Protein backbone atom coordinates (compact mmCIF):
# COMPACT_ATOMS: atom_id res chain seq x y z
CA UNK A 1 -10.73 -5.46 -16.15
CA UNK A 2 -8.78 -7.43 -18.76
CA UNK A 3 -5.74 -9.51 -17.84
CA UNK A 4 -2.53 -7.62 -18.65
CA UNK A 5 -4.33 -4.29 -18.80
CA UNK A 6 -2.23 -1.19 -18.09
CA UNK A 7 -3.98 0.53 -15.21
CA UNK A 8 -1.48 3.38 -14.69
CA UNK A 9 1.47 4.88 -16.56
CA UNK A 10 3.48 8.05 -16.34
CA UNK A 11 6.78 9.74 -15.75
CA UNK A 12 8.05 11.59 -12.67
CA UNK A 13 11.24 13.55 -11.86
CA UNK A 14 13.45 11.13 -9.89
CA UNK A 15 17.07 12.32 -9.59
CA UNK A 16 18.69 15.66 -10.34
CA UNK A 17 22.22 15.08 -11.62
CA UNK A 18 24.95 17.67 -11.01
CA UNK A 19 24.61 19.93 -14.06
CA UNK A 20 23.56 17.02 -16.30
CA UNK A 21 19.77 17.29 -16.07
CA UNK A 22 16.95 15.42 -14.37
CA UNK A 23 16.57 11.66 -14.54
CA UNK A 24 12.94 10.77 -15.07
CA UNK A 25 11.38 7.56 -13.75
CA UNK A 26 8.85 6.12 -16.20
CA UNK A 27 6.40 3.61 -14.83
CA UNK A 28 3.74 1.25 -16.07
CA UNK A 29 1.45 -0.64 -13.72
CA UNK A 30 -0.20 -3.77 -15.10
CA UNK A 31 -2.90 -5.95 -13.57
CA UNK A 32 -2.70 -9.69 -14.20
CA UNK A 33 -5.30 -12.23 -13.11
CA UNK A 34 -3.94 -14.61 -10.48
CA UNK A 35 -5.23 -18.05 -9.52
CA UNK A 36 -7.03 -18.14 -6.17
CA UNK A 37 -4.09 -19.95 -4.52
CA UNK A 38 -1.45 -17.51 -5.87
CA UNK A 39 0.84 -15.61 -3.51
CA UNK A 40 1.65 -13.00 -6.19
CA UNK A 41 0.22 -9.50 -6.24
CA UNK A 42 -2.17 -8.96 -9.15
CA UNK A 43 -0.64 -5.54 -9.86
CA UNK A 44 3.00 -4.97 -10.75
CA UNK A 45 4.86 -1.80 -11.69
CA UNK A 46 7.85 -1.70 -14.04
CA UNK A 47 10.21 1.29 -13.87
CA UNK A 48 12.61 2.70 -16.48
CA UNK A 49 15.09 5.53 -15.86
CA UNK A 50 15.58 8.05 -18.69
CA UNK A 51 17.57 11.22 -19.28
CA UNK A 52 16.60 13.52 -22.14
CA UNK A 53 14.49 10.71 -23.61
CA UNK A 54 17.29 8.13 -23.57
CA UNK A 55 16.94 5.05 -21.35
CA UNK A 56 19.66 4.06 -18.87
CA UNK A 57 20.94 0.51 -18.94
CA UNK A 58 20.51 -0.92 -15.44
CA UNK A 59 23.32 -3.01 -13.96
CA UNK A 60 22.76 -4.68 -10.61
CA UNK A 61 25.09 -6.58 -8.32
CA UNK A 62 22.58 -9.44 -8.27
CA UNK A 63 22.50 -9.57 -12.08
CA UNK A 64 18.90 -8.35 -12.29
CA UNK A 65 18.19 -5.18 -14.29
CA UNK A 66 15.88 -3.80 -11.59
CA UNK A 67 15.73 -0.44 -9.83
CA UNK A 68 13.81 -0.62 -6.53
CA UNK A 69 11.42 2.34 -6.62
CA UNK A 70 8.54 2.67 -4.18
CA UNK A 71 4.94 3.22 -5.26
CA UNK A 72 4.86 6.67 -3.65
CA UNK A 73 6.77 7.98 -6.67
CA UNK A 74 3.96 7.00 -9.04
CA UNK A 75 1.45 8.78 -6.77
CA UNK A 76 3.56 11.96 -6.83
CA UNK A 77 4.30 11.72 -3.10
CA UNK A 78 8.08 12.20 -3.48
CA UNK A 79 10.41 15.04 -4.46
CA UNK A 80 13.38 14.44 -6.81
CA UNK A 81 16.58 13.44 -5.05
CA UNK A 82 19.80 15.36 -5.68
CA UNK A 83 22.79 13.27 -6.71
CA UNK A 84 26.29 14.07 -5.49
CA UNK A 85 28.99 13.11 -8.00
CA UNK A 86 26.41 10.99 -9.83
CA UNK A 87 25.42 9.01 -6.70
CA UNK A 88 22.15 8.95 -4.79
CA UNK A 89 21.13 6.76 -1.84
CA UNK A 90 17.70 6.16 -0.36
CA UNK A 91 15.59 3.71 1.62
CA UNK A 92 13.24 1.39 -0.27
CA UNK A 93 10.04 -0.08 1.15
CA UNK A 94 7.51 -2.39 -0.53
CA UNK A 95 4.53 -3.82 1.34
CA UNK A 96 3.25 -7.22 0.26
CA UNK A 97 0.38 -9.23 1.72
CA UNK A 98 2.94 -11.71 3.13
CA UNK A 99 5.24 -9.05 4.62
CA UNK A 100 7.50 -6.33 3.31
CA UNK A 101 10.75 -5.81 1.42
CA UNK A 102 12.93 -2.97 2.68
CA UNK A 103 16.47 -1.68 2.83
CA UNK A 104 19.02 0.79 1.49
CA UNK A 105 19.56 1.42 -2.22
CA UNK A 106 22.47 3.20 -3.89
CA UNK A 107 22.36 4.31 -7.53
CA UNK A 108 25.51 5.37 -9.37
CA UNK A 109 24.88 7.11 -12.70
CA UNK A 110 27.39 7.11 -15.58
CA UNK A 111 25.74 9.56 -17.96
CA UNK A 112 28.41 9.23 -20.67
CA UNK A 113 27.79 5.46 -20.89
CA UNK A 114 24.06 5.81 -20.00
CA UNK A 115 24.44 3.14 -17.31
CA UNK A 116 23.10 3.14 -13.75
CA UNK A 117 24.65 0.74 -11.26
CA UNK A 118 22.26 -0.47 -8.55
CA UNK A 119 23.48 -1.63 -5.15
CA UNK A 120 20.94 -2.69 -2.56
CA UNK A 121 20.67 -4.62 0.67
CA UNK A 122 16.98 -5.50 0.70
CA UNK A 123 15.55 -7.84 3.29
CA UNK A 124 12.16 -9.54 3.33
CA UNK A 125 10.29 -9.51 6.63
CA UNK A 126 7.32 -11.84 6.91
CA UNK A 127 4.13 -10.73 8.64
């Protein structure tokens, strides 16, 4: 397998907005070679949220344009969430070989501005 090779990609229904359509979560999983002493996972998944083919700008309280989405979505294990007044909340969980990252996430969608505001309180728990 080549370094930087896309090993999975797709799009899944993520959030149903009140009368505004369904937000799709696009993903791309890439495998990167890691040195033997690395603590990083060799596979990483990037997510993009889109509505009717247009990408949302992501604004986060921590300044990072990142939406925490669990890997179960890419496997098709989840059903779309239903937003109330443009807001959806859920629990995030990511297992890592050193522990896990977990906690609540709140997404607030502004469809007119095509912006999603991400609030999260994620905590890392070491194994």
